[in-house]
Amino acid sequence: MKTPIKAQMNTLLKNTSRNQSAMPKHAKIKSHKNLLISALLASMLGLSSMQSFAFDLKGALKEAAEKEFGQSQEAPAKDAAQTQTTETGSTTSETSATAKNSEPEFNWKNPSTEEEITLGREIAGNLLGAAPLVKDAALQKYVNSVGRWVASQSERPELPWRFGVIESEDINAFAAPGGYIMLTKGLYRKLTNEAQLAGVLGHEIGHVVKKHQLKVLQKQQLLNMGAGFLSSKYAKDNQLVSKAIGTGAEISARSLDKSAEYEADRLGLSYAARAGYEPYGLTEVLQTIGQTNKNDGSVTLLFKTHPHPDDRLVALGDAIGNKLDNIKNGKTLESRFYQLKN
């Protein structure tokens, strides 16, 4: 039986949030069940053996959000109305509608950090719906430890960074706004030391730091609003957010602009070096992936959504030159690298 999405998200949060009680409350953003997007992601990730997704994503994410942020949800007004008179029921309905209309709007033009984190969390929920976390607590703890240390060297160390390894034999990694980062078990199998892991995570951290996925979402949503893509009935802020959640999961699994990938490569190498690792761990991973047959199904999505590893290595070489030649004693930590159980 597949582990519920709520449990997957709670595991991710448990592994990554030491000071969870001190986190600011985020603005509540409604999500909706998006089986179509989840099924699409499963296809993109090559998970042909996965069963159809019969879970209630909306309910699971809402329950997880309540647990994380301490938010209490009242019973639906329509249930309370059943025990009241018609007049009382009408008043309750009007009050509920007023409360709904008074919810803070998502600021697409300039999202706050809290909004970015909340949006990213629900996008990550959609990704986990397509591929759950590997059931290995020690693995998840280890990856989070390395990821948080590398992220602390970035320009946004204050984000509540969360990392996870997901069940997929594809070779890929994904980032969502606000600090949610996941890599596939297939990619993890290709790594041989901690420096390589740091480089891969550093690349995804770079995407979050530069808000690459968030900027794509902003542009899309602002265009939709400005062009009247949605009718006035469905142009309400929370409707746009719900639409963006599914779109964001698709963006995380699909391609960004080549320049964004090259920038994330440079940042990933830099963050790993700052963290004390051998700076060329990422380049070693790119070399390994580049040697994979292009017809291998495990790299089909990666090669479609990223520049070829050889092109990325050339771009890195041109950008870095000999700038890292003076870095000595970078650690690879092969002996500490966590080995998969299966």
C-alpha atoms as a PDB file:
ATOM      1  CA  MET A   1       0.000   0.000   0.000  1.00  0.00           C
ATOM      2  CA  LYS A   2       1.428   3.363  -1.027  1.00  0.00           C
ATOM      3  CA  THR A   3       2.407   5.709   1.801  1.00  0.00           C
ATOM      4  CA  PRO A   4      -0.035   8.684   1.956  1.00  0.00           C
ATOM      5  CA  ILE A   5       1.270  11.978   0.591  1.00  0.00           C
ATOM      6  CA  LYS A   6       0.789  13.573   4.018  1.00  0.00           C
ATOM      7  CA  ALA A   7       3.209  11.100   5.566  1.00  0.00           C
ATOM      8  CA  GLN A   8       5.718  11.789   2.773  1.00  0.00           C
ATOM      9  CA  MET A   9       5.583  15.538   3.392  1.00  0.00           C
ATOM     10  CA  ASN A  10       5.776  15.083   7.174  1.00  0.00           C
ATOM     11  CA  THR A  11       8.863  12.881   6.740  1.00  0.00           C
ATOM     12  CA  LEU A  12      10.489  15.546   4.571  1.00  0.00           C
ATOM     13  CA  LEU A  13       9.659  18.241   7.127  1.00  0.00           C
ATOM     14  CA  LYS A  14      10.875  16.136  10.065  1.00  0.00           C
ATOM     15  CA  ASN A  15      14.236  15.488   8.408  1.00  0.00           C
ATOM     16  CA  THR A  16      14.867  19.120   7.613  1.00  0.00           C
ATOM     17  CA  SER A  17      13.296  21.432  10.193  1.00  0.00           C
ATOM     18  CA  ARG A  18      15.169  21.612  13.516  1.00  0.00           C
ATOM     19  CA  ASN A  19      13.587  24.876  14.549  1.00  0.00           C
ATOM     20  CA  GLN A  20      10.162  24.261  13.092  1.00  0.00           C
ATOM     21  CA  SER A  21       8.343  25.834  16.020  1.00  0.00           C
ATOM     22  CA  ALA A  22      10.085  29.150  15.343  1.00  0.00           C
ATOM     23  CA  MET A  23       8.995  29.324  11.724  1.00  0.00           C
ATOM     24  CA  PRO A  24       6.626  32.202  10.860  1.00  0.00           C
ATOM     25  CA  LYS A  25       3.071  31.310   9.985  1.00  0.00           C
ATOM     26  CA  HIS A  26       2.558  31.410   6.277  1.00  0.00           C
ATOM     27  CA  ALA A  27      -0.467  32.759   4.487  1.00  0.00           C
ATOM     28  CA  LYS A  28      -2.940  29.968   3.858  1.00  0.00           C
ATOM     29  CA  ILE A  29      -3.053  29.013   0.211  1.00  0.00           C
ATOM     30  CA  LYS A  30      -5.686  26.604  -0.964  1.00  0.00           C
ATOM     31  CA  SER A  31      -4.647  23.654  -3.082  1.00  0.00           C
ATOM     32  CA  HIS A  32      -6.753  21.265  -5.132  1.00  0.00           C
ATOM     33  CA  LYS A  33      -6.504  17.665  -6.131  1.00  0.00           C
ATOM     34  CA  ASN A  34      -4.683  17.514  -9.458  1.00  0.00           C
ATOM     35  CA  LEU A  35      -4.592  13.908 -10.566  1.00  0.00           C
ATOM     36  CA  LEU A  36      -3.886  14.899 -14.175  1.00  0.00           C
ATOM     37  CA  ILE A  37      -0.685  16.748 -13.267  1.00  0.00           C
ATOM     38  CA  SER A  38       0.432  13.933 -10.960  1.00  0.00           C
ATOM     39  CA  ALA A  39      -0.135  11.359 -13.682  1.00  0.00           C
ATOM     40  CA  LEU A  40       1.764  13.558 -16.153  1.00  0.00           C
ATOM     41  CA  LEU A  41       4.698  13.816 -13.749  1.00  0.00           C
ATOM     42  CA  ALA A  42       4.711  10.062 -13.232  1.00  0.00           C
ATOM     43  CA  SER A  43       4.993   9.628 -16.979  1.00  0.00           C
ATOM     44  CA  MET A  44       7.787  12.210 -17.240  1.00  0.00           C
ATOM     45  CA  LEU A  45       9.707  10.522 -14.432  1.00  0.00           C
ATOM     46  CA  GLY A  46       9.452   7.176 -16.221  1.00  0.00           C
ATOM     47  CA  LEU A  47       7.476   5.537 -13.436  1.00  0.00           C
ATOM     48  CA  SER A  48       5.377   3.322 -15.677  1.00  0.00           C
ATOM     49  CA  SER A  49       4.896   0.797 -12.896  1.00  0.00           C
ATOM     50  CA  MET A  50       3.299   3.278 -10.534  1.00  0.00           C
ATOM     51  CA  GLN A  51      -0.378   2.823  -9.796  1.00  0.00           C
ATOM     52  CA  SER A  52      -2.892   5.555 -10.487  1.00  0.00           C
ATOM     53  CA  PHE A  53      -3.057   8.180  -7.803  1.00  0.00           C
ATOM     54  CA  ALA A  54      -6.189   7.625  -5.762  1.00  0.00           C
ATOM     55  CA  PHE A  55      -5.184   9.891  -2.884  1.00  0.00           C
ATOM     56  CA  ASP A  56      -6.909  13.129  -1.914  1.00  0.00           C
ATOM     57  CA  LEU A  57      -4.039  15.611  -2.492  1.00  0.00           C
ATOM     58  CA  LYS A  58      -6.051  18.576  -1.289  1.00  0.00           C
ATOM     59  CA  GLY A  59      -6.974  16.943   1.997  1.00  0.00           C
ATOM     60  CA  ALA A  60      -3.523  15.488   2.613  1.00  0.00           C
ATOM     61  CA  LEU A  61      -1.695  18.744   2.004  1.00  0.00           C
ATOM     62  CA  LYS A  62      -4.173  20.685   4.134  1.00  0.00           C
ATOM     63  CA  GLU A  63      -3.692  18.278   7.040  1.00  0.00           C
ATOM     64  CA  ALA A  64       0.089  18.494   6.688  1.00  0.00           C
ATOM     65  CA  ALA A  65      -0.118  22.283   6.603  1.00  0.00           C
ATOM     66  CA  GLU A  66      -2.214  22.307   9.765  1.00  0.00           C
ATOM     67  CA  LYS A  67       0.365  20.208  11.560  1.00  0.00           C
ATOM     68  CA  GLU A  68       3.332  22.315  10.431  1.00  0.00           C
ATOM     69  CA  PHE A  69       1.924  25.758  10.974  1.00  0.00           C
ATOM     70  CA  GLY A  70      -0.426  25.056  13.867  1.00  0.00           C
ATOM     71  CA  GLN A  71      -3.450  26.217  11.922  1.00  0.00           C
ATOM     72  CA  SER A  72      -6.851  24.995  13.039  1.00  0.00           C
ATOM     73  CA  GLN A  73      -9.582  24.475  10.499  1.00  0.00           C
ATOM     74  CA  GLU A  74     -13.213  24.914  11.412  1.00  0.00           C
ATOM     75  CA  ALA A  75     -15.898  22.540  10.165  1.00  0.00           C
ATOM     76  CA  PRO A  76     -17.468  23.551   6.853  1.00  0.00           C
ATOM     77  CA  ALA A  77     -20.273  26.045   7.200  1.00  0.00           C
ATOM     78  CA  LYS A  78     -22.663  23.816   5.305  1.00  0.00           C
ATOM     79  CA  ASP A  79     -22.359  21.101   7.971  1.00  0.00           C
ATOM     80  CA  ALA A  80     -23.166  23.556  10.730  1.00  0.00           C
ATOM     81  CA  ALA A  81     -26.063  24.916   8.731  1.00  0.00           C
ATOM     82  CA  GLN A  82     -27.789  21.537   8.772  1.00  0.00           C
ATOM     83  CA  THR A  83     -28.545  21.942  12.477  1.00  0.00           C
ATOM     84  CA  GLN A  84     -29.651  25.553  12.267  1.00  0.00           C
ATOM     85  CA  THR A  85     -32.663  27.405  10.871  1.00  0.00           C
ATOM     86  CA  THR A  86     -32.702  28.679   7.284  1.00  0.00           C
ATOM     87  CA  GLU A  87     -32.053  32.199   8.512  1.00  0.00           C
ATOM     88  CA  THR A  88     -29.091  31.166  10.630  1.00  0.00           C
ATOM     89  CA  GLY A  89     -27.754  29.048   7.779  1.00  0.00           C
ATOM     90  CA  SER A  90     -27.940  31.997   5.425  1.00  0.00           C
ATOM     91  CA  THR A  91     -26.062  34.180   7.893  1.00  0.00           C
ATOM     92  CA  THR A  92     -23.383  31.523   8.361  1.00  0.00           C
ATOM     93  CA  SER A  93     -22.963  31.200   4.605  1.00  0.00           C
ATOM     94  CA  GLU A  94     -22.613  34.955   4.175  1.00  0.00           C
ATOM     95  CA  THR A  95     -20.044  35.104   6.986  1.00  0.00           C
ATOM     96  CA  SER A  96     -18.052  32.287   5.399  1.00  0.00           C
ATOM     97  CA  ALA A  97     -18.081  34.052   2.035  1.00  0.00           C
ATOM     98  CA  THR A  98     -16.921  37.276   3.646  1.00  0.00           C
ATOM     99  CA  ALA A  99     -14.051  35.478   5.387  1.00  0.00           C
ATOM    100  CA  LYS A 100     -13.050  33.850   2.093  1.00  0.00           C
ATOM    101  CA  ASN A 101     -12.979  37.176   0.295  1.00  0.00           C
ATOM    102  CA  SER A 102     -10.894  38.701   3.075  1.00  0.00           C
ATOM    103  CA  GLU A 103      -8.068  36.161   2.710  1.00  0.00           C
ATOM    104  CA  PRO A 104      -4.773  37.848   1.819  1.00  0.00           C
ATOM    105  CA  GLU A 105      -3.955  37.794  -1.877  1.00  0.00           C
ATOM    106  CA  PHE A 106      -0.849  36.137  -3.232  1.00  0.00           C
ATOM    107  CA  ASN A 107       1.449  38.874  -4.461  1.00  0.00           C
ATOM    108  CA  TRP A 108       2.589  37.547  -7.828  1.00  0.00           C
ATOM    109  CA  LYS A 109       4.415  40.764  -8.690  1.00  0.00           C
ATOM    110  CA  ASN A 110       6.665  40.564  -5.642  1.00  0.00           C
ATOM    111  CA  PRO A 111       6.010  37.427  -3.545  1.00  0.00           C
ATOM    112  CA  SER A 112       7.136  37.463   0.057  1.00  0.00           C
ATOM    113  CA  THR A 113       9.485  34.770   1.331  1.00  0.00           C
ATOM    114  CA  GLU A 114       6.562  33.237   3.217  1.00  0.00           C
ATOM    115  CA  GLU A 115       4.496  33.053   0.037  1.00  0.00           C
ATOM    116  CA  GLU A 116       7.408  31.547  -1.870  1.00  0.00           C
ATOM    117  CA  ILE A 117       7.896  28.863   0.775  1.00  0.00           C
ATOM    118  CA  THR A 118       4.208  27.980   0.938  1.00  0.00           C
ATOM    119  CA  LEU A 119       3.900  27.745  -2.839  1.00  0.00           C
ATOM    120  CA  GLY A 120       7.050  25.626  -3.060  1.00  0.00           C
ATOM    121  CA  ARG A 121       5.813  23.305  -0.349  1.00  0.00           C
ATOM    122  CA  GLU A 122       2.658  22.477  -2.256  1.00  0.00           C
ATOM    123  CA  ILE A 123       4.539  22.080  -5.525  1.00  0.00           C
ATOM    124  CA  ALA A 124       6.799  19.612  -3.713  1.00  0.00           C
ATOM    125  CA  GLY A 125       3.654  17.814  -2.590  1.00  0.00           C
ATOM    126  CA  ASN A 126       2.654  17.287  -6.202  1.00  0.00           C
ATOM    127  CA  LEU A 127       6.118  15.956  -7.029  1.00  0.00           C
ATOM    128  CA  LEU A 128       5.944  13.533  -4.109  1.00  0.00           C
ATOM    129  CA  GLY A 129       2.584  12.397  -5.405  1.00  0.00           C
ATOM    130  CA  ALA A 130       4.348  11.180  -8.536  1.00  0.00           C
ATOM    131  CA  ALA A 131       7.366   9.682  -6.773  1.00  0.00           C
ATOM    132  CA  PRO A 132       7.404   9.143  -2.978  1.00  0.00           C
ATOM    133  CA  LEU A 133      10.423   9.458  -0.740  1.00  0.00           C
ATOM    134  CA  VAL A 134      12.703   6.434  -0.465  1.00  0.00           C
ATOM    135  CA  LYS A 135      11.820   4.598   2.727  1.00  0.00           C
ATOM    136  CA  ASP A 136      15.251   4.908   4.318  1.00  0.00           C
ATOM    137  CA  ALA A 137      15.315   7.339   7.238  1.00  0.00           C
ATOM    138  CA  ALA A 138      19.104   7.215   7.537  1.00  0.00           C
ATOM    139  CA  LEU A 139      19.493   8.128   3.862  1.00  0.00           C
ATOM    140  CA  GLN A 140      17.084  11.050   4.118  1.00  0.00           C
ATOM    141  CA  LYS A 141      18.777  12.332   7.271  1.00  0.00           C
ATOM    142  CA  TYR A 142      22.198  12.126   5.641  1.00  0.00           C
ATOM    143  CA  VAL A 143      21.153  13.950   2.469  1.00  0.00           C
ATOM    144  CA  ASN A 144      19.466  16.655   4.519  1.00  0.00           C
ATOM    145  CA  SER A 145      22.577  17.110   6.628  1.00  0.00           C
ATOM    146  CA  VAL A 146      24.782  17.583   3.566  1.00  0.00           C
ATOM    147  CA  GLY A 147      22.189  19.752   1.831  1.00  0.00           C
ATOM    148  CA  ARG A 148      21.677  22.104   4.772  1.00  0.00           C
ATOM    149  CA  TRP A 149      25.425  22.563   5.167  1.00  0.00           C
ATOM    150  CA  VAL A 150      25.883  23.430   1.492  1.00  0.00           C
ATOM    151  CA  ALA A 151      22.804  25.713   1.572  1.00  0.00           C
ATOM    152  CA  SER A 152      24.287  27.568   4.544  1.00  0.00           C
ATOM    153  CA  GLN A 153      27.052  28.733   2.200  1.00  0.00           C
ATOM    154  CA  SER A 154      24.537  30.284  -0.205  1.00  0.00           C
ATOM    155  CA  GLU A 155      23.061  33.777  -0.323  1.00  0.00           C
ATOM    156  CA  ARG A 156      19.806  32.505   1.236  1.00  0.00           C
ATOM    157  CA  PRO A 157      20.838  30.433   4.253  1.00  0.00           C
ATOM    158  CA  GLU A 158      17.748  31.511   6.200  1.00  0.00           C
ATOM    159  CA  LEU A 159      15.332  29.465   4.080  1.00  0.00           C
ATOM    160  CA  PRO A 160      13.931  26.329   5.757  1.00  0.00           C
ATOM    161  CA  TRP A 161      15.797  24.038   3.360  1.00  0.00           C
ATOM    162  CA  ARG A 162      14.377  20.553   2.840  1.00  0.00           C
ATOM    163  CA  PHE A 163      15.968  17.733   0.863  1.00  0.00           C
ATOM    164  CA  GLY A 164      14.835  14.273  -0.131  1.00  0.00           C
ATOM    165  CA  VAL A 165      15.670  11.249  -2.272  1.00  0.00           C
ATOM    166  CA  ILE A 166      12.660  10.001  -4.234  1.00  0.00           C
ATOM    167  CA  GLU A 167      11.761   6.594  -5.632  1.00  0.00           C
ATOM    168  CA  SER A 168      12.717   6.785  -9.281  1.00  0.00           C
ATOM    169  CA  GLU A 169      15.448   5.101 -11.262  1.00  0.00           C
ATOM    170  CA  ASP A 170      15.587   8.084 -13.617  1.00  0.00           C
ATOM    171  CA  ILE A 171      18.704  10.241 -13.350  1.00  0.00           C
ATOM    172  CA  ASN A 172      17.453  13.676 -12.340  1.00  0.00           C
ATOM    173  CA  ALA A 173      16.952  16.233  -9.572  1.00  0.00           C
ATOM    174  CA  PHE A 174      14.283  18.846  -8.922  1.00  0.00           C
ATOM    175  CA  ALA A 175      13.953  22.150  -7.059  1.00  0.00           C
ATOM    176  CA  ALA A 176      10.824  24.027  -6.002  1.00  0.00           C
ATOM    177  CA  PRO A 177      10.605  27.599  -4.665  1.00  0.00           C
ATOM    178  CA  GLY A 178      11.346  28.163  -1.005  1.00  0.00           C
ATOM    179  CA  GLY A 179      14.014  25.504  -0.574  1.00  0.00           C
ATOM    180  CA  TYR A 180      12.459  22.160  -1.537  1.00  0.00           C
ATOM    181  CA  ILE A 181      14.981  19.948  -3.307  1.00  0.00           C
ATOM    182  CA  MET A 182      14.731  16.319  -4.361  1.00  0.00           C
ATOM    183  CA  LEU A 183      16.982  13.977  -6.295  1.00  0.00           C
ATOM    184  CA  THR A 184      16.096  10.589  -7.686  1.00  0.00           C
ATOM    185  CA  LYS A 185      17.462   7.332  -6.387  1.00  0.00           C
ATOM    186  CA  GLY A 186      18.753   6.723  -9.891  1.00  0.00           C
ATOM    187  CA  LEU A 187      20.945   9.812  -9.708  1.00  0.00           C
ATOM    188  CA  TYR A 188      22.089   8.982  -6.169  1.00  0.00           C
ATOM    189  CA  ARG A 189      23.300   5.579  -7.433  1.00  0.00           C
ATOM    190  CA  LYS A 190      25.659   7.385  -9.805  1.00  0.00           C
ATOM    191  CA  LEU A 191      27.434   9.194  -6.959  1.00  0.00           C
ATOM    192  CA  THR A 192      30.548   7.798  -5.296  1.00  0.00           C
ATOM    193  CA  ASN A 193      31.409  10.396  -2.665  1.00  0.00           C
ATOM    194  CA  GLU A 194      29.997  13.234  -0.615  1.00  0.00           C
ATOM    195  CA  ALA A 195      31.621  15.960  -2.691  1.00  0.00           C
ATOM    196  CA  GLN A 196      29.638  14.802  -5.704  1.00  0.00           C
ATOM    197  CA  LEU A 197      26.424  14.876  -3.672  1.00  0.00           C
ATOM    198  CA  ALA A 198      27.282  18.377  -2.471  1.00  0.00           C
ATOM    199  CA  GLY A 199      27.803  19.515  -6.058  1.00  0.00           C
ATOM    200  CA  VAL A 200      24.460  18.098  -7.240  1.00  0.00           C
ATOM    201  CA  LEU A 201      22.572  19.615  -4.304  1.00  0.00           C
ATOM    202  CA  GLY A 202      24.476  22.869  -4.791  1.00  0.00           C
ATOM    203  CA  HIS A 203      23.192  23.073  -8.372  1.00  0.00           C
ATOM    204  CA  GLU A 204      19.573  22.765  -7.192  1.00  0.00           C
ATOM    205  CA  ILE A 205      20.223  25.209  -4.344  1.00  0.00           C
ATOM    206  CA  GLY A 206      21.406  27.662  -6.983  1.00  0.00           C
ATOM    207  CA  HIS A 207      18.039  27.404  -8.750  1.00  0.00           C
ATOM    208  CA  VAL A 208      16.235  28.297  -5.530  1.00  0.00           C
ATOM    209  CA  VAL A 209      18.632  31.111  -4.611  1.00  0.00           C
ATOM    210  CA  LYS A 210      18.141  32.755  -8.007  1.00  0.00           C
ATOM    211  CA  LYS A 211      14.400  31.962  -7.958  1.00  0.00           C
ATOM    212  CA  HIS A 212      14.558  30.426 -11.417  1.00  0.00           C
ATOM    213  CA  GLN A 213      11.351  28.375 -11.106  1.00  0.00           C
ATOM    214  CA  LEU A 214       9.534  31.127  -9.217  1.00  0.00           C
ATOM    215  CA  LYS A 215      10.312  33.684 -11.922  1.00  0.00           C
ATOM    216  CA  VAL A 216       8.863  31.411 -14.588  1.00  0.00           C
ATOM    217  CA  LEU A 217       5.693  31.040 -12.531  1.00  0.00           C
ATOM    218  CA  GLN A 218       5.499  34.792 -11.909  1.00  0.00           C
ATOM    219  CA  LYS A 219       5.812  35.570 -15.597  1.00  0.00           C
ATOM    220  CA  GLN A 220       3.180  33.035 -16.538  1.00  0.00           C
ATOM    221  CA  GLN A 221       0.661  34.116 -13.912  1.00  0.00           C
ATOM    222  CA  LEU A 222       1.121  37.836 -14.559  1.00  0.00           C
ATOM    223  CA  LEU A 223       0.622  37.257 -18.272  1.00  0.00           C
ATOM    224  CA  ASN A 224      -2.517  35.276 -17.560  1.00  0.00           C
ATOM    225  CA  MET A 225      -3.890  38.044 -15.375  1.00  0.00           C
ATOM    226  CA  GLY A 226      -2.937  40.884 -17.708  1.00  0.00           C
ATOM    227  CA  ALA A 227      -4.273  39.254 -20.855  1.00  0.00           C
ATOM    228  CA  GLY A 228      -7.541  38.247 -19.240  1.00  0.00           C
ATOM    229  CA  PHE A 229      -6.700  34.592 -19.754  1.00  0.00           C
ATOM    230  CA  LEU A 230      -9.006  33.712 -16.896  1.00  0.00           C
ATOM    231  CA  SER A 231     -12.518  35.047 -16.548  1.00  0.00           C
ATOM    232  CA  SER A 232     -13.237  37.362 -13.651  1.00  0.00           C
ATOM    233  CA  LYS A 233     -14.928  34.481 -11.876  1.00  0.00           C
ATOM    234  CA  TYR A 234     -11.766  32.377 -11.913  1.00  0.00           C
ATOM    235  CA  ALA A 235      -9.185  35.156 -11.700  1.00  0.00           C
ATOM    236  CA  LYS A 236      -9.409  35.205  -7.915  1.00  0.00           C
ATOM    237  CA  ASP A 237      -6.013  34.974  -6.314  1.00  0.00           C
ATOM    238  CA  ASN A 238      -6.401  31.564  -4.713  1.00  0.00           C
ATOM    239  CA  GLN A 239      -7.629  30.107  -8.004  1.00  0.00           C
ATOM    240  CA  LEU A 240      -4.435  31.330  -9.649  1.00  0.00           C
ATOM    241  CA  VAL A 241      -2.352  29.836  -6.864  1.00  0.00           C
ATOM    242  CA  SER A 242      -4.061  26.460  -7.245  1.00  0.00           C
ATOM    243  CA  LYS A 243      -3.349  26.556 -10.981  1.00  0.00           C
ATOM    244  CA  ALA A 244       0.248  27.555 -10.310  1.00  0.00           C
ATOM    245  CA  ILE A 245       0.817  24.625  -7.960  1.00  0.00           C
ATOM    246  CA  GLY A 246       0.248  22.113 -10.742  1.00  0.00           C
ATOM    247  CA  THR A 247       2.136  24.254 -13.229  1.00  0.00           C
ATOM    248  CA  GLY A 248       5.016  24.635 -10.781  1.00  0.00           C
ATOM    249  CA  ALA A 249       5.359  20.884 -10.415  1.00  0.00           C
ATOM    250  CA  GLU A 250       5.528  20.603 -14.180  1.00  0.00           C
ATOM    251  CA  ILE A 251       8.135  23.381 -14.394  1.00  0.00           C
ATOM    252  CA  SER A 252      10.231  21.678 -11.715  1.00  0.00           C
ATOM    253  CA  ALA A 253      10.212  18.476 -13.758  1.00  0.00           C
ATOM    254  CA  ARG A 254      10.681  20.151 -17.108  1.00  0.00           C
ATOM    255  CA  SER A 255      13.224  22.522 -18.545  1.00  0.00           C
ATOM    256  CA  LEU A 256      14.427  25.971 -17.574  1.00  0.00           C
ATOM    257  CA  ASP A 257      16.324  28.325 -19.826  1.00  0.00           C
ATOM    258  CA  LYS A 258      19.842  27.098 -20.669  1.00  0.00           C
ATOM    259  CA  SER A 259      21.335  30.182 -19.039  1.00  0.00           C
ATOM    260  CA  ALA A 260      19.588  29.249 -15.780  1.00  0.00           C
ATOM    261  CA  GLU A 261      21.133  25.773 -15.877  1.00  0.00           C
ATOM    262  CA  TYR A 262      24.599  27.164 -16.560  1.00  0.00           C
ATOM    263  CA  GLU A 263      24.213  29.674 -13.717  1.00  0.00           C
ATOM    264  CA  ALA A 264      23.087  26.921 -11.329  1.00  0.00           C
ATOM    265  CA  ASP A 265      26.152  24.856 -12.311  1.00  0.00           C
ATOM    266  CA  ARG A 266      28.469  27.746 -11.440  1.00  0.00           C
ATOM    267  CA  LEU A 267      26.714  28.384  -8.139  1.00  0.00           C
ATOM    268  CA  GLY A 268      26.637  24.707  -7.219  1.00  0.00           C
ATOM    269  CA  LEU A 269      30.365  24.383  -7.729  1.00  0.00           C
ATOM    270  CA  SER A 270      30.959  27.552  -5.704  1.00  0.00           C
ATOM    271  CA  TYR A 271      28.731  26.516  -2.775  1.00  0.00           C
ATOM    272  CA  ALA A 272      30.367  23.085  -2.556  1.00  0.00           C
ATOM    273  CA  ALA A 273      33.831  24.682  -2.522  1.00  0.00           C
ATOM    274  CA  ARG A 274      32.789  27.133   0.213  1.00  0.00           C
ATOM    275  CA  ALA A 275      31.500  24.197   2.246  1.00  0.00           C
ATOM    276  CA  GLY A 276      34.962  22.634   2.163  1.00  0.00           C
ATOM    277  CA  TYR A 277      34.372  19.985  -0.479  1.00  0.00           C
ATOM    278  CA  GLU A 278      36.465  19.170  -3.518  1.00  0.00           C
ATOM    279  CA  PRO A 279      34.959  21.764  -5.893  1.00  0.00           C
ATOM    280  CA  TYR A 280      34.907  19.510  -8.933  1.00  0.00           C
ATOM    281  CA  GLY A 281      32.434  16.978  -7.556  1.00  0.00           C
ATOM    282  CA  LEU A 282      29.705  18.334  -9.821  1.00  0.00           C
ATOM    283  CA  THR A 283      31.895  18.109 -12.915  1.00  0.00           C
ATOM    284  CA  GLU A 284      32.629  14.466 -12.112  1.00  0.00           C
ATOM    285  CA  VAL A 285      28.896  13.771 -11.991  1.00  0.00           C
ATOM    286  CA  LEU A 286      28.365  15.553 -15.305  1.00  0.00           C
ATOM    287  CA  GLN A 287      31.132  13.477 -16.878  1.00  0.00           C
ATOM    288  CA  THR A 288      29.515  10.267 -15.600  1.00  0.00           C
ATOM    289  CA  ILE A 289      26.068  11.240 -16.884  1.00  0.00           C
ATOM    290  CA  GLY A 290      27.542  12.358 -20.196  1.00  0.00           C
ATOM    291  CA  GLN A 291      28.852   8.846 -20.768  1.00  0.00           C
ATOM    292  CA  THR A 292      25.346   7.385 -20.468  1.00  0.00           C
ATOM    293  CA  ASN A 293      23.836   6.220 -23.740  1.00  0.00           C
ATOM    294  CA  LYS A 294      21.344   8.828 -24.923  1.00  0.00           C
ATOM    295  CA  ASN A 295      18.874   6.030 -25.657  1.00  0.00           C
ATOM    296  CA  ASP A 296      18.952   4.903 -22.031  1.00  0.00           C
ATOM    297  CA  GLY A 297      15.488   5.566 -20.615  1.00  0.00           C
ATOM    298  CA  SER A 298      16.919   6.791 -17.312  1.00  0.00           C
ATOM    299  CA  VAL A 299      18.307   9.957 -18.924  1.00  0.00           C
ATOM    300  CA  THR A 300      15.563  10.654 -21.456  1.00  0.00           C
ATOM    301  CA  LEU A 301      13.928  13.420 -19.403  1.00  0.00           C
ATOM    302  CA  LEU A 302      17.237  14.859 -18.222  1.00  0.00           C
ATOM    303  CA  PHE A 303      18.633  15.188 -21.736  1.00  0.00           C
ATOM    304  CA  LYS A 304      15.374  16.747 -22.937  1.00  0.00           C
ATOM    305  CA  THR A 305      15.245  19.347 -20.164  1.00  0.00           C
ATOM    306  CA  HIS A 306      18.921  20.221 -19.663  1.00  0.00           C
ATOM    307  CA  PRO A 307      21.820  21.127 -21.925  1.00  0.00           C
ATOM    308  CA  HIS A 308      23.939  18.053 -22.660  1.00  0.00           C
ATOM    309  CA  PRO A 309      26.488  17.388 -19.876  1.00  0.00           C
ATOM    310  CA  ASP A 310      29.335  17.990 -22.338  1.00  0.00           C
ATOM    311  CA  ASP A 311      27.993  21.464 -23.104  1.00  0.00           C
ATOM    312  CA  ARG A 312      27.624  22.178 -19.393  1.00  0.00           C
ATOM    313  CA  LEU A 313      31.223  21.144 -18.758  1.00  0.00           C
ATOM    314  CA  VAL A 314      32.460  23.452 -21.510  1.00  0.00           C
ATOM    315  CA  ALA A 315      30.422  26.352 -20.111  1.00  0.00           C
ATOM    316  CA  LEU A 316      31.769  25.695 -16.611  1.00  0.00           C
ATOM    317  CA  GLY A 317      35.342  25.581 -17.866  1.00  0.00           C
ATOM    318  CA  ASP A 318      34.939  28.862 -19.737  1.00  0.00           C
ATOM    319  CA  ALA A 319      33.373  30.585 -16.731  1.00  0.00           C
ATOM    320  CA  ILE A 320      35.769  29.330 -14.087  1.00  0.00           C
ATOM    321  CA  GLY A 321      39.085  29.110 -15.872  1.00  0.00           C
ATOM    322  CA  ASN A 322      41.814  28.787 -13.250  1.00  0.00           C
ATOM    323  CA  LYS A 323      39.924  30.545 -10.471  1.00  0.00           C
ATOM    324  CA  LEU A 324      39.775  27.393  -8.344  1.00  0.00           C
ATOM    325  CA  ASP A 325      43.380  26.343  -8.790  1.00  0.00           C
ATOM    326  CA  ASN A 326      44.332  27.808  -5.421  1.00  0.00           C
ATOM    327  CA  ILE A 327      41.717  25.799  -3.514  1.00  0.00           C
ATOM    328  CA  LYS A 328      43.566  23.053  -1.696  1.00  0.00           C
ATOM    329  CA  ASN A 329      42.544  20.170   0.543  1.00  0.00           C
ATOM    330  CA  GLY A 330      38.952  19.979  -0.647  1.00  0.00           C
ATOM    331  CA  LYS A 331      37.241  16.957   0.895  1.00  0.00           C
ATOM    332  CA  THR A 332      35.586  14.127  -1.030  1.00  0.00           C
ATOM    333  CA  LEU A 333      34.656  12.039   2.040  1.00  0.00           C
ATOM    334  CA  GLU A 334      34.160   8.700   0.295  1.00  0.00           C
ATOM    335  CA  SER A 335      34.215   6.867   3.625  1.00  0.00           C
ATOM    336  CA  ARG A 336      31.329   8.941   4.972  1.00  0.00           C
ATOM    337  CA  PHE A 337      29.172   8.677   1.867  1.00  0.00           C
ATOM    338  CA  TYR A 338      25.934   6.830   2.626  1.00  0.00           C
ATOM    339  CA  GLN A 339      25.447   3.652   0.632  1.00  0.00           C
ATOM    340  CA  LEU A 340      21.975   2.709  -0.590  1.00  0.00           C
ATOM    341  CA  LYS A 341      20.509  -0.446   0.908  1.00  0.00           C
ATOM    342  CA  ASN A 342      18.985  -1.556  -2.381  1.00  0.00           C
END
